[in-house]
Full PDB file with SEQRES, HELIX, SHEET, SSBOND, CRYST1, ORIGX, SCALE, CONECT and MASTER records, all heavy atoms in Angstrom:
SEQRES   1 A   32  ARG ASP GLU ALA LEU ARG ARG LEU GLN SER LYS PHE ASP          
SEQRES   2 A   32  GLN VAL ARG ARG GLN TYR GLY ASP SER VAL GLY GLU LEU          
SEQRES   3 A   32  THR GLU SER TRP GLN ASP                                      
HELIX    1 AA1 ASP A    2  TYR A   19  1                                  18    
HELIX    2 AA2 GLY A   20  SER A   22  5                                   3    
CRYST1    1.000    1.000    1.000  90.00  90.00  90.00 P 1           1          
ORIGX1      1.000000  0.000000  0.000000        0.00000                         
ORIGX2      0.000000  1.000000  0.000000        0.00000                         
ORIGX3      0.000000  0.000000  1.000000        0.00000                         
SCALE1      1.000000  0.000000  0.000000        0.00000                         
SCALE2      0.000000  1.000000  0.000000        0.00000                         
SCALE3      0.000000  0.000000  1.000000        0.00000                         
ATOM      1  N   ARG A   1      11.217 -19.065 -12.465  1.00  0.00           N  
ATOM      2  CA  ARG A   1      11.484 -18.449 -11.164  1.00  0.00           C  
ATOM      3  C   ARG A   1      10.908 -17.041 -11.042  1.00  0.00           C  
ATOM      4  O   ARG A   1      10.293 -16.693 -10.025  1.00  0.00           O  
ATOM      5  CB  ARG A   1      12.985 -18.426 -10.928  1.00  0.00           C  
ATOM      6  CG  ARG A   1      13.374 -17.843  -9.605  1.00  0.00           C  
ATOM      7  CD  ARG A   1      14.878 -17.976  -9.386  1.00  0.00           C  
ATOM      8  NE  ARG A   1      15.236 -17.329  -8.157  1.00  0.00           N  
ATOM      9  CZ  ARG A   1      16.175 -16.414  -8.044  1.00  0.00           C  
ATOM     10  NH1 ARG A   1      16.881 -16.053  -9.088  1.00  0.00           N  
ATOM     11  NH2 ARG A   1      16.439 -15.871  -6.884  1.00  0.00           N  
ATOM     12  N   ASP A   2      11.099 -16.214 -12.054  1.00  0.00           N  
ATOM     13  CA  ASP A   2      10.674 -14.814 -11.949  1.00  0.00           C  
ATOM     14  C   ASP A   2       9.161 -14.675 -11.782  1.00  0.00           C  
ATOM     15  O   ASP A   2       8.696 -13.894 -10.941  1.00  0.00           O  
ATOM     16  CB  ASP A   2      11.136 -14.016 -13.184  1.00  0.00           C  
ATOM     17  CG  ASP A   2      12.648 -13.820 -13.211  1.00  0.00           C  
ATOM     18  OD1 ASP A   2      13.297 -13.985 -12.160  1.00  0.00           O  
ATOM     19  OD2 ASP A   2      13.176 -13.512 -14.291  1.00  0.00           O  
ATOM     20  N   GLU A   3       8.389 -15.421 -12.558  1.00  0.00           N  
ATOM     21  CA  GLU A   3       6.930 -15.329 -12.452  1.00  0.00           C  
ATOM     22  C   GLU A   3       6.436 -15.912 -11.122  1.00  0.00           C  
ATOM     23  O   GLU A   3       5.556 -15.349 -10.483  1.00  0.00           O  
ATOM     24  CB  GLU A   3       6.243 -16.034 -13.625  1.00  0.00           C  
ATOM     25  CG  GLU A   3       4.721 -16.030 -13.554  1.00  0.00           C  
ATOM     26  CD  GLU A   3       4.078 -14.646 -13.546  1.00  0.00           C  
ATOM     27  OE1 GLU A   3       4.731 -13.634 -13.859  1.00  0.00           O  
ATOM     28  OE2 GLU A   3       2.866 -14.578 -13.225  1.00  0.00           O  
ATOM     29  N   ALA A   4       7.020 -17.028 -10.696  1.00  0.00           N  
ATOM     30  CA  ALA A   4       6.640 -17.616  -9.411  1.00  0.00           C  
ATOM     31  C   ALA A   4       6.965 -16.638  -8.273  1.00  0.00           C  
ATOM     32  O   ALA A   4       6.148 -16.444  -7.366  1.00  0.00           O  
ATOM     33  CB  ALA A   4       7.348 -18.944  -9.202  1.00  0.00           C  
ATOM     34  N   LEU A   5       8.106 -16.007  -8.339  1.00  0.00           N  
ATOM     35  CA  LEU A   5       8.509 -15.032  -7.336  1.00  0.00           C  
ATOM     36  C   LEU A   5       7.557 -13.838  -7.321  1.00  0.00           C  
ATOM     37  O   LEU A   5       7.118 -13.388  -6.260  1.00  0.00           O  
ATOM     38  CB  LEU A   5       9.941 -14.585  -7.616  1.00  0.00           C  
ATOM     39  CG  LEU A   5      10.620 -13.701  -6.596  1.00  0.00           C  
ATOM     40  CD1 LEU A   5      10.672 -14.368  -5.235  1.00  0.00           C  
ATOM     41  CD2 LEU A   5      12.028 -13.369  -7.067  1.00  0.00           C  
ATOM     42  N   ARG A   6       7.212 -13.345  -8.494  1.00  0.00           N  
ATOM     43  CA  ARG A   6       6.278 -12.206  -8.582  1.00  0.00           C  
ATOM     44  C   ARG A   6       4.938 -12.559  -7.935  1.00  0.00           C  
ATOM     45  O   ARG A   6       4.379 -11.790  -7.163  1.00  0.00           O  
ATOM     46  CB  ARG A   6       6.070 -11.810 -10.045  1.00  0.00           C  
ATOM     47  CG  ARG A   6       5.196 -10.559 -10.208  1.00  0.00           C  
ATOM     48  CD  ARG A   6       4.708 -10.368 -11.631  1.00  0.00           C  
ATOM     49  NE  ARG A   6       3.788 -11.393 -12.071  1.00  0.00           N  
ATOM     50  CZ  ARG A   6       2.504 -11.486 -11.681  1.00  0.00           C  
ATOM     51  NH1 ARG A   6       2.008 -10.621 -10.823  1.00  0.00           N  
ATOM     52  NH2 ARG A   6       1.720 -12.445 -12.144  1.00  0.00           N  
ATOM     53  N   ARG A   7       4.426 -13.751  -8.244  1.00  0.00           N  
ATOM     54  CA  ARG A   7       3.136 -14.173  -7.687  1.00  0.00           C  
ATOM     55  C   ARG A   7       3.204 -14.331  -6.171  1.00  0.00           C  
ATOM     56  O   ARG A   7       2.279 -13.958  -5.451  1.00  0.00           O  
ATOM     57  CB  ARG A   7       2.683 -15.480  -8.322  1.00  0.00           C  
ATOM     58  CG  ARG A   7       2.239 -15.312  -9.753  1.00  0.00           C  
ATOM     59  CD  ARG A   7       1.695 -16.603 -10.300  1.00  0.00           C  
ATOM     60  NE  ARG A   7       1.446 -16.523 -11.724  1.00  0.00           N  
ATOM     61  CZ  ARG A   7       0.765 -17.428 -12.402  1.00  0.00           C  
ATOM     62  NH1 ARG A   7       0.266 -18.485 -11.792  1.00  0.00           N  
ATOM     63  NH2 ARG A   7       0.574 -17.292 -13.701  1.00  0.00           N  
ATOM     64  N   LEU A   8       4.303 -14.900  -5.679  1.00  0.00           N  
ATOM     65  CA  LEU A   8       4.437 -15.080  -4.234  1.00  0.00           C  
ATOM     66  C   LEU A   8       4.547 -13.745  -3.511  1.00  0.00           C  
ATOM     67  O   LEU A   8       3.927 -13.555  -2.464  1.00  0.00           O  
ATOM     68  CB  LEU A   8       5.662 -15.940  -3.920  1.00  0.00           C  
ATOM     69  CG  LEU A   8       5.435 -17.433  -4.065  1.00  0.00           C  
ATOM     70  CD1 LEU A   8       6.759 -18.178  -4.039  1.00  0.00           C  
ATOM     71  CD2 LEU A   8       4.532 -17.948  -2.972  1.00  0.00           C  
ATOM     72  N   GLN A   9       5.308 -12.825  -4.055  1.00  0.00           N  
ATOM     73  CA  GLN A   9       5.420 -11.513  -3.421  1.00  0.00           C  
ATOM     74  C   GLN A   9       4.070 -10.819  -3.379  1.00  0.00           C  
ATOM     75  O   GLN A   9       3.697 -10.225  -2.365  1.00  0.00           O  
ATOM     76  CB  GLN A   9       6.449 -10.654  -4.161  1.00  0.00           C  
ATOM     77  CG  GLN A   9       7.863 -11.114  -3.914  1.00  0.00           C  
ATOM     78  CD  GLN A   9       8.881 -10.390  -4.764  1.00  0.00           C  
ATOM     79  OE1 GLN A   9       8.618 -10.026  -5.908  1.00  0.00           O  
ATOM     80  NE2 GLN A   9      10.070 -10.204  -4.211  1.00  0.00           N  
ATOM     81  N   SER A  10       3.314 -10.922  -4.444  1.00  0.00           N  
ATOM     82  CA  SER A  10       1.978 -10.341  -4.487  1.00  0.00           C  
ATOM     83  C   SER A  10       1.062 -10.991  -3.454  1.00  0.00           C  
ATOM     84  O   SER A  10       0.301 -10.319  -2.758  1.00  0.00           O  
ATOM     85  CB  SER A  10       1.401 -10.492  -5.899  1.00  0.00           C  
ATOM     86  OG  SER A  10       0.102  -9.998  -5.958  1.00  0.00           O  
ATOM     87  N   LYS A  11       1.145 -12.311  -3.341  1.00  0.00           N  
ATOM     88  CA  LYS A  11       0.316 -13.044  -2.380  1.00  0.00           C  
ATOM     89  C   LYS A  11       0.678 -12.658  -0.946  1.00  0.00           C  
ATOM     90  O   LYS A  11      -0.217 -12.451  -0.116  1.00  0.00           O  
ATOM     91  CB  LYS A  11       0.471 -14.553  -2.586  1.00  0.00           C  
ATOM     92  CG  LYS A  11      -0.349 -15.388  -1.657  1.00  0.00           C  
ATOM     93  CD  LYS A  11      -1.835 -15.228  -1.934  1.00  0.00           C  
ATOM     94  CE  LYS A  11      -2.644 -16.240  -1.140  1.00  0.00           C  
ATOM     95  NZ  LYS A  11      -4.079 -16.126  -1.448  1.00  0.00           N  
ATOM     96  N   PHE A  12       1.966 -12.553  -0.633  1.00  0.00           N  
ATOM     97  CA  PHE A  12       2.363 -12.157   0.708  1.00  0.00           C  
ATOM     98  C   PHE A  12       1.874 -10.751   1.043  1.00  0.00           C  
ATOM     99  O   PHE A  12       1.455 -10.490   2.165  1.00  0.00           O  
ATOM    100  CB  PHE A  12       3.872 -12.266   0.896  1.00  0.00           C  
ATOM    101  CG  PHE A  12       4.330 -13.663   1.187  1.00  0.00           C  
ATOM    102  CD1 PHE A  12       5.112 -14.350   0.276  1.00  0.00           C  
ATOM    103  CD2 PHE A  12       3.987 -14.305   2.368  1.00  0.00           C  
ATOM    104  CE1 PHE A  12       5.541 -15.639   0.535  1.00  0.00           C  
ATOM    105  CE2 PHE A  12       4.408 -15.599   2.626  1.00  0.00           C  
ATOM    106  CZ  PHE A  12       5.182 -16.271   1.714  1.00  0.00           C  
ATOM    107  N   ASP A  13       1.906  -9.844   0.072  1.00  0.00           N  
ATOM    108  CA  ASP A  13       1.368  -8.500   0.291  1.00  0.00           C  
ATOM    109  C   ASP A  13      -0.127  -8.570   0.610  1.00  0.00           C  
ATOM    110  O   ASP A  13      -0.608  -7.901   1.517  1.00  0.00           O  
ATOM    111  CB  ASP A  13       1.596  -7.619  -0.937  1.00  0.00           C  
ATOM    112  CG  ASP A  13       3.044  -7.213  -1.124  1.00  0.00           C  
ATOM    113  OD1 ASP A  13       3.831  -7.337  -0.160  1.00  0.00           O  
ATOM    114  OD2 ASP A  13       3.391  -6.791  -2.247  1.00  0.00           O  
ATOM    115  N   GLN A  14      -0.846  -9.393  -0.140  1.00  0.00           N  
ATOM    116  CA  GLN A  14      -2.281  -9.558   0.074  1.00  0.00           C  
ATOM    117  C   GLN A  14      -2.569 -10.140   1.467  1.00  0.00           C  
ATOM    118  O   GLN A  14      -3.447  -9.665   2.177  1.00  0.00           O  
ATOM    119  CB  GLN A  14      -2.874 -10.473  -1.001  1.00  0.00           C  
ATOM    120  CG  GLN A  14      -4.319 -10.787  -0.814  1.00  0.00           C  
ATOM    121  CD  GLN A  14      -4.792 -11.888  -1.769  1.00  0.00           C  
ATOM    122  OE1 GLN A  14      -4.055 -12.365  -2.624  1.00  0.00           O  
ATOM    123  NE2 GLN A  14      -6.031 -12.295  -1.609  1.00  0.00           N  
ATOM    124  N   VAL A  15      -1.824 -11.165   1.840  1.00  0.00           N  
ATOM    125  CA  VAL A  15      -2.012 -11.805   3.153  1.00  0.00           C  
ATOM    126  C   VAL A  15      -1.708 -10.807   4.274  1.00  0.00           C  
ATOM    127  O   VAL A  15      -2.433 -10.733   5.265  1.00  0.00           O  
ATOM    128  CB  VAL A  15      -1.136 -13.068   3.272  1.00  0.00           C  
ATOM    129  CG1 VAL A  15      -1.075 -13.573   4.705  1.00  0.00           C  
ATOM    130  CG2 VAL A  15      -1.655 -14.152   2.337  1.00  0.00           C  
ATOM    131  N   ARG A  16      -0.641 -10.027   4.131  1.00  0.00           N  
ATOM    132  CA  ARG A  16      -0.289  -9.032   5.131  1.00  0.00           C  
ATOM    133  C   ARG A  16      -1.402  -8.017   5.319  1.00  0.00           C  
ATOM    134  O   ARG A  16      -1.763  -7.669   6.443  1.00  0.00           O  
ATOM    135  CB  ARG A  16       1.024  -8.333   4.761  1.00  0.00           C  
ATOM    136  CG  ARG A  16       1.510  -7.402   5.833  1.00  0.00           C  
ATOM    137  CD  ARG A  16       2.871  -6.795   5.662  1.00  0.00           C  
ATOM    138  NE  ARG A  16       3.495  -6.369   4.450  1.00  0.00           N  
ATOM    139  CZ  ARG A  16       3.831  -7.028   3.339  1.00  0.00           C  
ATOM    140  NH1 ARG A  16       3.558  -8.218   3.180  1.00  0.00           N  
ATOM    141  NH2 ARG A  16       4.439  -6.510   2.329  1.00  0.00           N  
ATOM    142  N   ARG A  17      -1.999  -7.561   4.214  1.00  0.00           N  
ATOM    143  CA  ARG A  17      -3.107  -6.608   4.311  1.00  0.00           C  
ATOM    144  C   ARG A  17      -4.340  -7.263   4.945  1.00  0.00           C  
ATOM    145  O   ARG A  17      -5.022  -6.655   5.766  1.00  0.00           O  
ATOM    146  CB  ARG A  17      -3.457  -6.056   2.933  1.00  0.00           C  
ATOM    147  CG  ARG A  17      -2.471  -5.033   2.395  1.00  0.00           C  
ATOM    148  CD  ARG A  17      -2.989  -4.334   1.144  1.00  0.00           C  
ATOM    149  NE  ARG A  17      -3.399  -5.252   0.095  1.00  0.00           N  
ATOM    150  CZ  ARG A  17      -2.598  -5.780  -0.834  1.00  0.00           C  
ATOM    151  NH1 ARG A  17      -1.316  -5.464  -0.832  1.00  0.00           N  
ATOM    152  NH2 ARG A  17      -3.060  -6.587  -1.765  1.00  0.00           N  
ATOM    153  N   GLN A  18      -4.631  -8.482   4.558  1.00  0.00           N  
ATOM    154  CA  GLN A  18      -5.830  -9.167   5.021  1.00  0.00           C  
ATOM    155  C   GLN A  18      -5.761  -9.561   6.500  1.00  0.00           C  
ATOM    156  O   GLN A  18      -6.743  -9.475   7.210  1.00  0.00           O  
ATOM    157  CB  GLN A  18      -6.077 -10.414   4.171  1.00  0.00           C  
ATOM    158  CG  GLN A  18      -7.377 -11.113   4.473  1.00  0.00           C  
ATOM    159  CD  GLN A  18      -7.634 -12.268   3.494  1.00  0.00           C  
ATOM    160  OE1 GLN A  18      -6.897 -12.484   2.539  1.00  0.00           O  
ATOM    161  NE2 GLN A  18      -8.693 -12.992   3.754  1.00  0.00           N  
ATOM    162  N   TYR A  19      -4.598 -10.028   6.953  1.00  0.00           N  
ATOM    163  CA  TYR A  19      -4.473 -10.547   8.313  1.00  0.00           C  
ATOM    164  C   TYR A  19      -3.598  -9.695   9.215  1.00  0.00           C  
ATOM    165  O   TYR A  19      -3.286 -10.110  10.336  1.00  0.00           O  
ATOM    166  CB  TYR A  19      -3.916 -11.976   8.276  1.00  0.00           C  
ATOM    167  CG  TYR A  19      -4.824 -12.936   7.560  1.00  0.00           C  
ATOM    168  CD1 TYR A  19      -4.517 -13.379   6.284  1.00  0.00           C  
ATOM    169  CD2 TYR A  19      -6.005 -13.364   8.144  1.00  0.00           C  
ATOM    170  CE1 TYR A  19      -5.362 -14.261   5.609  1.00  0.00           C  
ATOM    171  CE2 TYR A  19      -6.863 -14.237   7.480  1.00  0.00           C  
ATOM    172  CZ  TYR A  19      -6.524 -14.674   6.213  1.00  0.00           C  
ATOM    173  OH  TYR A  19      -7.362 -15.530   5.546  1.00  0.00           O  
ATOM    174  N   GLY A  20      -3.213  -8.521   8.768  1.00  0.00           N  
ATOM    175  CA  GLY A  20      -2.302  -7.675   9.532  1.00  0.00           C  
ATOM    176  C   GLY A  20      -2.777  -7.330  10.924  1.00  0.00           C  
ATOM    177  O   GLY A  20      -1.969  -7.188  11.835  1.00  0.00           O  
ATOM    178  N   ASP A  21      -4.072  -7.260  11.118  1.00  0.00           N  
ATOM    179  CA  ASP A  21      -4.591  -6.901  12.442  1.00  0.00           C  
ATOM    180  C   ASP A  21      -4.497  -8.048  13.447  1.00  0.00           C  
ATOM    181  O   ASP A  21      -4.590  -7.835  14.650  1.00  0.00           O  
ATOM    182  CB  ASP A  21      -6.025  -6.405  12.344  1.00  0.00           C  
ATOM    183  CG  ASP A  21      -6.973  -7.431  11.737  1.00  0.00           C  
ATOM    184  OD1 ASP A  21      -6.511  -8.347  11.035  1.00  0.00           O  
ATOM    185  OD2 ASP A  21      -8.200  -7.304  11.964  1.00  0.00           O  
ATOM    186  N   SER A  22      -4.292  -9.274  12.987  1.00  0.00           N  
ATOM    187  CA  SER A  22      -4.187 -10.411  13.913  1.00  0.00           C  
ATOM    188  C   SER A  22      -2.766 -10.970  13.988  1.00  0.00           C  
ATOM    189  O   SER A  22      -2.537 -12.000  14.596  1.00  0.00           O  
ATOM    190  CB  SER A  22      -5.160 -11.529  13.507  1.00  0.00           C  
ATOM    191  OG  SER A  22      -4.882 -11.985  12.211  1.00  0.00           O  
ATOM    192  N   VAL A  23      -1.814 -10.272  13.365  1.00  0.00           N  
ATOM    193  CA  VAL A  23      -0.421 -10.704  13.339  1.00  0.00           C  
ATOM    194  C   VAL A  23       0.442  -9.576  13.883  1.00  0.00           C  
ATOM    195  O   VAL A  23       0.286  -8.430  13.505  1.00  0.00           O  
ATOM    196  CB  VAL A  23       0.018 -11.061  11.893  1.00  0.00           C  
ATOM    197  CG1 VAL A  23       1.494 -11.332  11.819  1.00  0.00           C  
ATOM    198  CG2 VAL A  23      -0.770 -12.238  11.380  1.00  0.00           C  
ATOM    199  N   GLY A  24       1.362  -9.935  14.763  1.00  0.00           N  
ATOM    200  CA  GLY A  24       2.261  -8.943  15.329  1.00  0.00           C  
ATOM    201  C   GLY A  24       3.708  -9.331  15.087  1.00  0.00           C  
ATOM    202  O   GLY A  24       4.009 -10.453  14.671  1.00  0.00           O  
ATOM    203  N   GLU A  25       4.590  -8.401  15.382  1.00  0.00           N  
ATOM    204  CA  GLU A  25       6.031  -8.634  15.281  1.00  0.00           C  
ATOM    205  C   GLU A  25       6.415  -9.262  13.943  1.00  0.00           C  
ATOM    206  O   GLU A  25       7.237 -10.177  13.880  1.00  0.00           O  
ATOM    207  CB  GLU A  25       6.520  -9.508  16.438  1.00  0.00           C  
ATOM    208  CG  GLU A  25       6.258  -8.913  17.795  1.00  0.00           C  
ATOM    209  CD  GLU A  25       6.639  -9.828  18.940  1.00  0.00           C  
ATOM    210  OE1 GLU A  25       7.606 -10.605  18.797  1.00  0.00           O  
ATOM    211  OE2 GLU A  25       5.978  -9.759  19.980  1.00  0.00           O  
ATOM    212  N   LEU A  26       5.839  -8.752  12.872  1.00  0.00           N  
ATOM    213  CA  LEU A  26       6.094  -9.284  11.536  1.00  0.00           C  
ATOM    214  C   LEU A  26       7.468  -8.851  11.053  1.00  0.00           C  
ATOM    215  O   LEU A  26       7.807  -7.672  11.074  1.00  0.00           O  
ATOM    216  CB  LEU A  26       5.025  -8.786  10.561  1.00  0.00           C  
ATOM    217  CG  LEU A  26       5.177  -9.202   9.105  1.00  0.00           C  
ATOM    218  CD1 LEU A  26       5.018 -10.716   8.967  1.00  0.00           C  
ATOM    219  CD2 LEU A  26       4.164  -8.490   8.243  1.00  0.00           C  
ATOM    220  N   THR A  27       8.267  -9.837  10.663  1.00  0.00           N  
ATOM    221  CA  THR A  27       9.556  -9.561  10.027  1.00  0.00           C  
ATOM    222  C   THR A  27       9.575 -10.303   8.701  1.00  0.00           C  
ATOM    223  O   THR A  27       9.029 -11.400   8.581  1.00  0.00           O  
ATOM    224  CB  THR A  27      10.745 -10.029  10.884  1.00  0.00           C  
ATOM    225  OG1 THR A  27      10.666 -11.442  11.078  1.00  0.00           O  
ATOM    226  CG2 THR A  27      10.774  -9.326  12.220  1.00  0.00           C  
ATOM    227  N   GLU A  28      10.143  -9.686   7.700  1.00  0.00           N  
ATOM    228  CA  GLU A  28      10.250 -10.332   6.396  1.00  0.00           C  
ATOM    229  C   GLU A  28      11.445  -9.783   5.654  1.00  0.00           C  
ATOM    230  O   GLU A  28      11.812  -8.628   5.815  1.00  0.00           O  
ATOM    231  CB  GLU A  28       8.977 -10.148   5.579  1.00  0.00           C  
ATOM    232  CG  GLU A  28       8.601  -8.709   5.317  1.00  0.00           C  
ATOM    233  CD  GLU A  28       7.307  -8.590   4.548  1.00  0.00           C  
ATOM    234  OE1 GLU A  28       7.300  -8.939   3.353  1.00  0.00           O  
ATOM    235  OE2 GLU A  28       6.327  -8.135   5.127  1.00  0.00           O  
ATOM    236  N   SER A  29      12.027 -10.648   4.839  1.00  0.00           N  
ATOM    237  CA  SER A  29      13.196 -10.258   4.070  1.00  0.00           C  
ATOM    238  C   SER A  29      13.236 -11.074   2.783  1.00  0.00           C  
ATOM    239  O   SER A  29      13.268 -12.304   2.828  1.00  0.00           O  
ATOM    240  CB  SER A  29      14.459 -10.524   4.896  1.00  0.00           C  
ATOM    241  OG  SER A  29      15.612 -10.338   4.110  1.00  0.00           O  
ATOM    242  N   TRP A  30      13.220 -10.387   1.642  1.00  0.00           N  
ATOM    243  CA  TRP A  30      13.351 -11.032   0.328  1.00  0.00           C  
ATOM    244  C   TRP A  30      14.774 -10.821  -0.144  1.00  0.00           C  
ATOM    245  O   TRP A  30      15.259  -9.696  -0.156  1.00  0.00           O  
ATOM    246  CB  TRP A  30      12.410 -10.400  -0.686  1.00  0.00           C  
ATOM    247  CG  TRP A  30      10.978 -10.768  -0.521  1.00  0.00           C  
ATOM    248  CD1 TRP A  30      10.024 -10.029   0.111  1.00  0.00           C  
ATOM    249  CD2 TRP A  30      10.320 -11.936  -1.015  1.00  0.00           C  
ATOM    250  NE1 TRP A  30       8.823 -10.681   0.053  1.00  0.00           N  
ATOM    251  CE2 TRP A  30       8.971 -11.848  -0.638  1.00  0.00           C  
ATOM    252  CE3 TRP A  30      10.748 -13.050  -1.726  1.00  0.00           C  
ATOM    253  CZ2 TRP A  30       8.045 -12.838  -0.959  1.00  0.00           C  
ATOM    254  CZ3 TRP A  30       9.817 -14.026  -2.040  1.00  0.00           C  
ATOM    255  CH2 TRP A  30       8.483 -13.912  -1.663  1.00  0.00           C  
ATOM    256  N   GLN A  31      15.426 -11.897  -0.571  1.00  0.00           N  
ATOM    257  CA  GLN A  31      16.770 -11.758  -1.136  1.00  0.00           C  
ATOM    258  C   GLN A  31      17.046 -12.950  -2.041  1.00  0.00           C  
ATOM    259  O   GLN A  31      17.033 -14.095  -1.596  1.00  0.00           O  
ATOM    260  CB  GLN A  31      17.816 -11.681  -0.027  1.00  0.00           C  
ATOM    261  CG  GLN A  31      19.197 -11.414  -0.564  1.00  0.00           C  
ATOM    262  CD  GLN A  31      20.197 -11.206   0.561  1.00  0.00           C  
ATOM    263  OE1 GLN A  31      19.886 -11.313   1.734  1.00  0.00           O  
ATOM    264  NE2 GLN A  31      21.420 -10.907   0.186  1.00  0.00           N  
ATOM    265  N   ASP A  32      17.295 -12.657  -3.307  1.00  0.00           N  
ATOM    266  CA  ASP A  32      17.689 -13.673  -4.283  1.00  0.00           C  
ATOM    267  C   ASP A  32      16.773 -14.901  -4.286  1.00  0.00           C  
ATOM    268  O   ASP A  32      17.231 -16.037  -4.209  1.00  0.00           O  
ATOM    269  CB  ASP A  32      19.137 -14.131  -4.041  1.00  0.00           C  
ATOM    270  CG  ASP A  32      20.125 -12.992  -4.245  1.00  0.00           C  
ATOM    271  OD1 ASP A  32      19.862 -12.128  -5.090  1.00  0.00           O  
ATOM    272  OD2 ASP A  32      21.155 -12.975  -3.544  1.00  0.00           O  
TER     273      ASP A  32                                                      
MASTER        0    0    0    2    0    0    0    6  272    1    0    3          
END                                                                             
């Protein structure tokens, strides 16, 4: 779980940076 979670969080950060200009009203929440 921990490694999969780390990779997913990193990927979401990358996607947000890459596509942030074409995405609006972004909401996100990580919990457990």
